[in-house]
Structure formats: structure tokens, C-alpha cells
Amino acid sequence: MAVVLGPSASGKDGPCWGLIAGLDRPSSGRVELFGRPLAELSDAALALLRRARVGTGVPGFSKLPARGWLPGKNVAFALVPAGTPFRERKRQGRHKWRRSARSSEVADRPPEQLSGGQQQRVALARAMVNDPDLVLADEPVSQVDPESAAKILSALEAMVAQGKTVVITTHDPTLVVSGTRRFA
């Protein structure tokens, strides 16, 4: 687990994530993802690599134009490009929601009716639904209560225990938990 710490608008999420996930190409130097130099991959190969191995938890993306946000609609959205059948997306979406949020809460409300904390939990569950090797989580606990924050961090730590990599961007220095690498 790595924490990229910095003030708001300092470039810790957009530019940093753009390079890590291969959304942007570096003007100099070399960026590798899973041992593959990103500059040598085509846009299509990068998209396939991201789809298969990278999960991105950005709360703003939880406002997808879906009638319901769980399951099979919003949380499992990352499974659509892979061609996962609807019933399987629904099953995996429900499972990942419960696992990532450590909650049995199920709602069928439109995304615009969710609180900021619920949006963050939806975004995190969607980032984790395809069991990626790398999760990029932007301010994963900034809008949630302490109990929900502990559940979210526990879910991220469980991914690390499974050999996955988690990169958190935040402006909160208290988010640096044990076993993390800190970049400021």
C-alpha cells in the first residue's frame, strides 16, 4: 500500500494516476506497469491492461447514468467491457459491495440521491469488482464516518494481504496506516 500525500490540487491524483495507469505518456523517463513499459504499448493494449488489472476508485465516477447503483448497474460497471453477463455482474456487484463496504446495505436509489460517503463506497466497490492487481483510490475515506472509514481501510488492507497493490491519494496525513509507503 502506498499513500500519495499532498494538498488539494497539487497533482497527486490526476497527473500521478495518469502516469501510473498509462492514461498519460511521460514527456521523459520510463513508466512500467506490471513490468511492461507503457510507452511501448498501443492505446488499445493499454486499455486492455487497465481493464484487466487496474481498478480506479474515484467518487465522482459513481454518478453513472444508471437507474440503480447496486447491483449490476453501477458497482459492476467495470465488468461490462469484459462482456460479463448481466446475472454474473449482478452477483459480483452485490458480493463486492458487501465485501468492500463491509455492509449488507443494498439500495436502489439513483446515484444523485446518494450521500458523499455512499458515493465513495460505491466507487471503491466498483474499483474492486474485477479483482484488479492495482487499485487507485482517491480520498477513499474523506466523506465517511469513522466506522465506515475503518471498514474501507480494512477492505483495502485485505487486498494488500492478497498480494494486490493499493495506491491512495489524499491530503489527510492521518490516513497513513501501518505498512504503507508514503510519498509527499
C-alpha atoms as a PDB file:
ATOM      1  CA  MET A   1       0.000   0.000   0.000  1.00  0.00           C
ATOM      2  CA  ALA A   2       1.282   3.411  -0.906  1.00  0.00           C
ATOM      3  CA  VAL A   3      -0.117   6.792   0.099  1.00  0.00           C
ATOM      4  CA  VAL A   4       0.497   9.833  -2.077  1.00  0.00           C
ATOM      5  CA  LEU A   5       0.068  12.766   0.278  1.00  0.00           C
ATOM      6  CA  GLY A   6      -0.317  16.367  -0.776  1.00  0.00           C
ATOM      7  CA  PRO A   7      -2.578  19.417  -0.631  1.00  0.00           C
ATOM      8  CA  SER A   8      -5.655  19.708  -2.823  1.00  0.00           C
ATOM      9  CA  ALA A   9      -4.907  20.495  -6.477  1.00  0.00           C
ATOM     10  CA  SER A  10      -1.240  19.505  -6.117  1.00  0.00           C
ATOM     11  CA  GLY A  11      -1.350  16.915  -8.921  1.00  0.00           C
ATOM     12  CA  LYS A  12      -1.409  13.837  -6.706  1.00  0.00           C
ATOM     13  CA  ASP A  13      -4.428  12.251  -8.359  1.00  0.00           C
ATOM     14  CA  GLY A  14      -4.849  13.392 -11.989  1.00  0.00           C
ATOM     15  CA  PRO A  15      -1.248  13.673 -13.222  1.00  0.00           C
ATOM     16  CA  CYS A  16       0.107  10.974 -10.899  1.00  0.00           C
ATOM     17  CA  TRP A  17      -2.655   8.496 -11.729  1.00  0.00           C
ATOM     18  CA  GLY A  18      -2.484   9.368 -15.394  1.00  0.00           C
ATOM     19  CA  LEU A  19       1.113   8.198 -15.474  1.00  0.00           C
ATOM     20  CA  ILE A  20       0.625   5.162 -13.214  1.00  0.00           C
ATOM     21  CA  ALA A  21      -2.352   3.853 -15.188  1.00  0.00           C
ATOM     22  CA  GLY A  22      -0.988   4.732 -18.612  1.00  0.00           C
ATOM     23  CA  LEU A  23      -3.639   7.337 -19.339  1.00  0.00           C
ATOM     24  CA  ASP A  24      -0.841   9.831 -19.977  1.00  0.00           C
ATOM     25  CA  ARG A  25       2.569   9.273 -21.508  1.00  0.00           C
ATOM     26  CA  PRO A  26       5.607  10.747 -19.755  1.00  0.00           C
ATOM     27  CA  SER A  27       7.498  13.517 -21.515  1.00  0.00           C
ATOM     28  CA  SER A  28      10.705  11.931 -20.232  1.00  0.00           C
ATOM     29  CA  GLY A  29      11.718   8.923 -18.215  1.00  0.00           C
ATOM     30  CA  ARG A  30      10.158   5.474 -18.189  1.00  0.00           C
ATOM     31  CA  VAL A  31       6.956   4.212 -16.586  1.00  0.00           C
ATOM     32  CA  GLU A  32       6.289   0.493 -16.226  1.00  0.00           C
ATOM     33  CA  LEU A  33       3.081  -1.176 -15.168  1.00  0.00           C
ATOM     34  CA  PHE A  34       3.289  -4.856 -14.222  1.00  0.00           C
ATOM     35  CA  GLY A  35       6.775  -4.973 -15.751  1.00  0.00           C
ATOM     36  CA  ARG A  36       5.641  -3.609 -19.100  1.00  0.00           C
ATOM     37  CA  PRO A  37       6.984  -0.268 -20.382  1.00  0.00           C
ATOM     38  CA  LEU A  38       3.867   1.791 -21.037  1.00  0.00           C
ATOM     39  CA  ALA A  39       5.468   3.836 -23.805  1.00  0.00           C
ATOM     40  CA  GLU A  40       5.824   0.658 -25.880  1.00  0.00           C
ATOM     41  CA  LEU A  41       2.141  -0.316 -25.656  1.00  0.00           C
ATOM     42  CA  SER A  42      -0.536   0.823 -28.082  1.00  0.00           C
ATOM     43  CA  ASP A  43      -3.577   2.677 -26.772  1.00  0.00           C
ATOM     44  CA  ALA A  44      -5.650  -0.488 -27.285  1.00  0.00           C
ATOM     45  CA  ALA A  45      -3.128  -2.636 -25.372  1.00  0.00           C
ATOM     46  CA  LEU A  46      -3.077  -0.092 -22.538  1.00  0.00           C
ATOM     47  CA  ALA A  47      -6.876  -0.100 -22.373  1.00  0.00           C
ATOM     48  CA  LEU A  48      -6.926  -3.903 -22.151  1.00  0.00           C
ATOM     49  CA  LEU A  49      -4.251  -3.860 -19.444  1.00  0.00           C
ATOM     50  CA  ARG A  50      -6.185  -1.296 -17.398  1.00  0.00           C
ATOM     51  CA  ARG A  51      -9.481  -3.122 -17.843  1.00  0.00           C
ATOM     52  CA  ALA A  52      -7.999  -6.421 -16.696  1.00  0.00           C
ATOM     53  CA  ARG A  53      -5.666  -5.302 -13.920  1.00  0.00           C
ATOM     54  CA  VAL A  54      -6.430  -1.771 -12.662  1.00  0.00           C
ATOM     55  CA  GLY A  55      -9.368  -0.570 -10.554  1.00  0.00           C
ATOM     56  CA  THR A  56      -9.974   3.133 -10.049  1.00  0.00           C
ATOM     57  CA  GLY A  57     -11.985   4.405  -7.095  1.00  0.00           C
ATOM     58  CA  VAL A  58     -12.933   7.998  -7.796  1.00  0.00           C
ATOM     59  CA  PRO A  59     -16.176   9.134  -6.121  1.00  0.00           C
ATOM     60  CA  GLY A  60     -17.245  11.422  -8.954  1.00  0.00           C
ATOM     61  CA  PHE A  61     -17.478   8.421 -11.250  1.00  0.00           C
ATOM     62  CA  SER A  62     -20.183   6.905  -9.049  1.00  0.00           C
ATOM     63  CA  LYS A  63     -22.655   9.231 -10.736  1.00  0.00           C
ATOM     64  CA  LEU A  64     -23.103   6.971 -13.724  1.00  0.00           C
ATOM     65  CA  PRO A  65     -26.399   7.335 -15.554  1.00  0.00           C
ATOM     66  CA  ALA A  66     -27.826   4.123 -14.139  1.00  0.00           C
ATOM     67  CA  ARG A  67     -31.316   3.596 -12.752  1.00  0.00           C
ATOM     68  CA  GLY A  68     -29.969   1.842  -9.695  1.00  0.00           C
ATOM     69  CA  TRP A  69     -26.480   1.806  -8.289  1.00  0.00           C
ATOM     70  CA  LEU A  70     -26.338  -1.711  -6.935  1.00  0.00           C
ATOM     71  CA  PRO A  71     -26.009  -4.427  -8.081  1.00  0.00           C
ATOM     72  CA  GLY A  72     -25.233  -4.995 -11.727  1.00  0.00           C
ATOM     73  CA  LYS A  73     -25.637  -1.366 -12.663  1.00  0.00           C
ATOM     74  CA  ASN A  74     -23.097   0.876 -11.030  1.00  0.00           C
ATOM     75  CA  VAL A  75     -20.825  -1.270  -8.853  1.00  0.00           C
ATOM     76  CA  ALA A  76     -20.397  -3.897 -11.557  1.00  0.00           C
ATOM     77  CA  PHE A  77     -19.991  -1.334 -14.342  1.00  0.00           C
ATOM     78  CA  ALA A  78     -16.317  -2.297 -14.696  1.00  0.00           C
ATOM     79  CA  LEU A  79     -17.416  -5.774 -15.814  1.00  0.00           C
ATOM     80  CA  VAL A  80     -19.414  -4.532 -18.819  1.00  0.00           C
ATOM     81  CA  PRO A  81     -16.425  -4.047 -21.201  1.00  0.00           C
ATOM     82  CA  ALA A  82     -15.256  -7.585 -20.398  1.00  0.00           C
ATOM     83  CA  GLY A  83     -18.575  -8.944 -21.669  1.00  0.00           C
ATOM     84  CA  THR A  84     -19.627 -10.394 -18.318  1.00  0.00           C
ATOM     85  CA  PRO A  85     -23.290 -11.490 -18.489  1.00  0.00           C
ATOM     86  CA  PHE A  86     -25.781  -9.370 -16.532  1.00  0.00           C
ATOM     87  CA  ARG A  87     -26.602 -12.010 -13.905  1.00  0.00           C
ATOM     88  CA  GLU A  88     -22.922 -12.572 -13.175  1.00  0.00           C
ATOM     89  CA  ARG A  89     -22.318  -8.800 -12.989  1.00  0.00           C
ATOM     90  CA  LYS A  90     -25.216  -8.545 -10.568  1.00  0.00           C
ATOM     91  CA  ARG A  91     -23.848 -11.355  -8.383  1.00  0.00           C
ATOM     92  CA  GLN A  92     -20.311 -10.000  -8.388  1.00  0.00           C
ATOM     93  CA  GLY A  93     -21.516  -6.430  -7.820  1.00  0.00           C
ATOM     94  CA  ARG A  94     -23.524  -7.436  -4.761  1.00  0.00           C
ATOM     95  CA  HIS A  95     -20.656  -9.549  -3.402  1.00  0.00           C
ATOM     96  CA  LYS A  96     -18.020  -6.869  -3.927  1.00  0.00           C
ATOM     97  CA  TRP A  97     -20.251  -4.196  -2.407  1.00  0.00           C
ATOM     98  CA  ARG A  98     -20.702  -6.237   0.745  1.00  0.00           C
ATOM     99  CA  ARG A  99     -17.011  -7.121   0.898  1.00  0.00           C
ATOM    100  CA  SER A 100     -15.586  -3.677   0.168  1.00  0.00           C
ATOM    101  CA  ALA A 101     -18.034  -1.688   2.244  1.00  0.00           C
ATOM    102  CA  ARG A 102     -18.334  -4.433   4.889  1.00  0.00           C
ATOM    103  CA  SER A 103     -22.032  -3.724   4.663  1.00  0.00           C
ATOM    104  CA  SER A 104     -25.180  -5.566   3.703  1.00  0.00           C
ATOM    105  CA  GLU A 105     -26.751  -2.238   2.776  1.00  0.00           C
ATOM    106  CA  VAL A 106     -28.499  -2.520  -0.543  1.00  0.00           C
ATOM    107  CA  ALA A 107     -30.258   0.408  -2.155  1.00  0.00           C
ATOM    108  CA  ASP A 108     -31.862   1.020  -5.494  1.00  0.00           C
ATOM    109  CA  ARG A 109     -31.697   4.772  -5.392  1.00  0.00           C
ATOM    110  CA  PRO A 110     -30.409   6.877  -8.263  1.00  0.00           C
ATOM    111  CA  PRO A 111     -26.767   7.935  -7.840  1.00  0.00           C
ATOM    112  CA  GLU A 112     -27.721  11.590  -7.329  1.00  0.00           C
ATOM    113  CA  GLN A 113     -29.599  10.583  -4.160  1.00  0.00           C
ATOM    114  CA  LEU A 114     -26.526   9.077  -2.507  1.00  0.00           C
ATOM    115  CA  SER A 115     -24.519  10.819   0.186  1.00  0.00           C
ATOM    116  CA  GLY A 116     -20.863  11.628  -0.452  1.00  0.00           C
ATOM    117  CA  GLY A 117     -19.831   8.696   1.732  1.00  0.00           C
ATOM    118  CA  GLN A 118     -22.117   6.293  -0.138  1.00  0.00           C
ATOM    119  CA  GLN A 119     -20.712   7.546  -3.442  1.00  0.00           C
ATOM    120  CA  GLN A 120     -17.198   6.856  -2.178  1.00  0.00           C
ATOM    121  CA  ARG A 121     -18.142   3.341  -1.117  1.00  0.00           C
ATOM    122  CA  VAL A 122     -19.805   2.676  -4.477  1.00  0.00           C
ATOM    123  CA  ALA A 123     -16.703   3.935  -6.315  1.00  0.00           C
ATOM    124  CA  LEU A 124     -14.432   1.726  -4.208  1.00  0.00           C
ATOM    125  CA  ALA A 125     -16.621  -1.347  -4.698  1.00  0.00           C
ATOM    126  CA  ARG A 126     -16.627  -0.706  -8.456  1.00  0.00           C
ATOM    127  CA  ALA A 127     -12.841  -0.357  -8.432  1.00  0.00           C
ATOM    128  CA  MET A 128     -12.543  -3.734  -6.709  1.00  0.00           C
ATOM    129  CA  VAL A 129     -15.240  -5.675  -8.592  1.00  0.00           C
ATOM    130  CA  ASN A 130     -12.944  -7.192 -11.226  1.00  0.00           C
ATOM    131  CA  ASP A 131     -10.355  -8.217  -8.594  1.00  0.00           C
ATOM    132  CA  PRO A 132      -7.629  -5.972 -10.030  1.00  0.00           C
ATOM    133  CA  ASP A 133      -3.940  -6.223  -9.225  1.00  0.00           C
ATOM    134  CA  LEU A 134      -3.759  -2.450  -8.685  1.00  0.00           C
ATOM    135  CA  VAL A 135      -6.369  -0.205  -7.051  1.00  0.00           C
ATOM    136  CA  LEU A 136      -6.066   3.572  -7.254  1.00  0.00           C
ATOM    137  CA  ALA A 137      -8.220   5.144  -4.524  1.00  0.00           C
ATOM    138  CA  ASP A 138      -8.720   8.906  -4.394  1.00  0.00           C
ATOM    139  CA  GLU A 139      -9.579  10.213  -0.912  1.00  0.00           C
ATOM    140  CA  PRO A 140     -11.329   6.926  -0.030  1.00  0.00           C
ATOM    141  CA  VAL A 141     -12.388   7.985   3.478  1.00  0.00           C
ATOM    142  CA  SER A 142     -12.690  11.770   3.301  1.00  0.00           C
ATOM    143  CA  GLN A 143     -16.504  11.872   3.395  1.00  0.00           C
ATOM    144  CA  VAL A 144     -17.350   8.925   5.612  1.00  0.00           C
ATOM    145  CA  ASP A 145     -17.846   8.426   9.326  1.00  0.00           C
ATOM    146  CA  PRO A 146     -15.050   6.782  11.364  1.00  0.00           C
ATOM    147  CA  GLU A 147     -16.738   3.354  11.372  1.00  0.00           C
ATOM    148  CA  SER A 148     -17.152   3.357   7.580  1.00  0.00           C
ATOM    149  CA  ALA A 149     -13.580   4.630   7.179  1.00  0.00           C
ATOM    150  CA  ALA A 150     -12.302   1.679   9.213  1.00  0.00           C
ATOM    151  CA  LYS A 151     -14.311  -0.729   7.013  1.00  0.00           C
ATOM    152  CA  ILE A 152     -12.984   0.831   3.822  1.00  0.00           C
ATOM    153  CA  LEU A 153      -9.371   0.758   5.012  1.00  0.00           C
ATOM    154  CA  SER A 154      -9.851  -2.834   6.156  1.00  0.00           C
ATOM    155  CA  ALA A 155     -11.065  -3.801   2.674  1.00  0.00           C
ATOM    156  CA  LEU A 156      -8.048  -2.104   1.080  1.00  0.00           C
ATOM    157  CA  GLU A 157      -5.670  -3.758   3.547  1.00  0.00           C
ATOM    158  CA  ALA A 158      -7.268  -7.131   2.737  1.00  0.00           C
ATOM    159  CA  MET A 159      -6.417  -6.570  -0.920  1.00  0.00           C
ATOM    160  CA  VAL A 160      -2.803  -5.873   0.025  1.00  0.00           C
ATOM    161  CA  ALA A 161      -2.770  -9.085   2.097  1.00  0.00           C
ATOM    162  CA  GLN A 162      -3.817 -10.919  -1.092  1.00  0.00           C
ATOM    163  CA  GLY A 163      -0.768  -9.550  -2.901  1.00  0.00           C
ATOM    164  CA  LYS A 164      -2.539  -6.650  -4.604  1.00  0.00           C
ATOM    165  CA  THR A 165      -1.212  -3.092  -4.744  1.00  0.00           C
ATOM    166  CA  VAL A 166      -3.229  -0.140  -3.443  1.00  0.00           C
ATOM    167  CA  VAL A 167      -2.293   3.479  -4.111  1.00  0.00           C
ATOM    168  CA  ILE A 168      -4.237   6.059  -2.102  1.00  0.00           C
ATOM    169  CA  THR A 169      -4.117   9.762  -2.867  1.00  0.00           C
ATOM    170  CA  THR A 170      -5.091  12.054  -0.010  1.00  0.00           C
ATOM    171  CA  HIS A 171      -4.482  15.360   1.705  1.00  0.00           C
ATOM    172  CA  ASP A 172      -5.072  13.747   5.124  1.00  0.00           C
ATOM    173  CA  PRO A 173      -1.782  12.852   6.898  1.00  0.00           C
ATOM    174  CA  THR A 174      -3.657  10.649   9.399  1.00  0.00           C
ATOM    175  CA  LEU A 175      -4.536   8.236   6.584  1.00  0.00           C
ATOM    176  CA  VAL A 176      -1.010   6.869   6.521  1.00  0.00           C
ATOM    177  CA  VAL A 177      -1.616   3.495   8.149  1.00  0.00           C
ATOM    178  CA  SER A 178       0.893   0.898   9.236  1.00  0.00           C
ATOM    179  CA  GLY A 179       2.694  -0.900   6.450  1.00  0.00           C
ATOM    180  CA  THR A 180       2.239   1.877   3.935  1.00  0.00           C
ATOM    181  CA  ARG A 181       4.804   3.696   1.894  1.00  0.00           C
ATOM    182  CA  ARG A 182       4.314   7.425   1.990  1.00  0.00           C
ATOM    183  CA  PHE A 183       5.031   9.827  -0.828  1.00  0.00           C
ATOM    184  CA  ALA A 184       4.623  13.541  -0.198  1.00  0.00           C
END
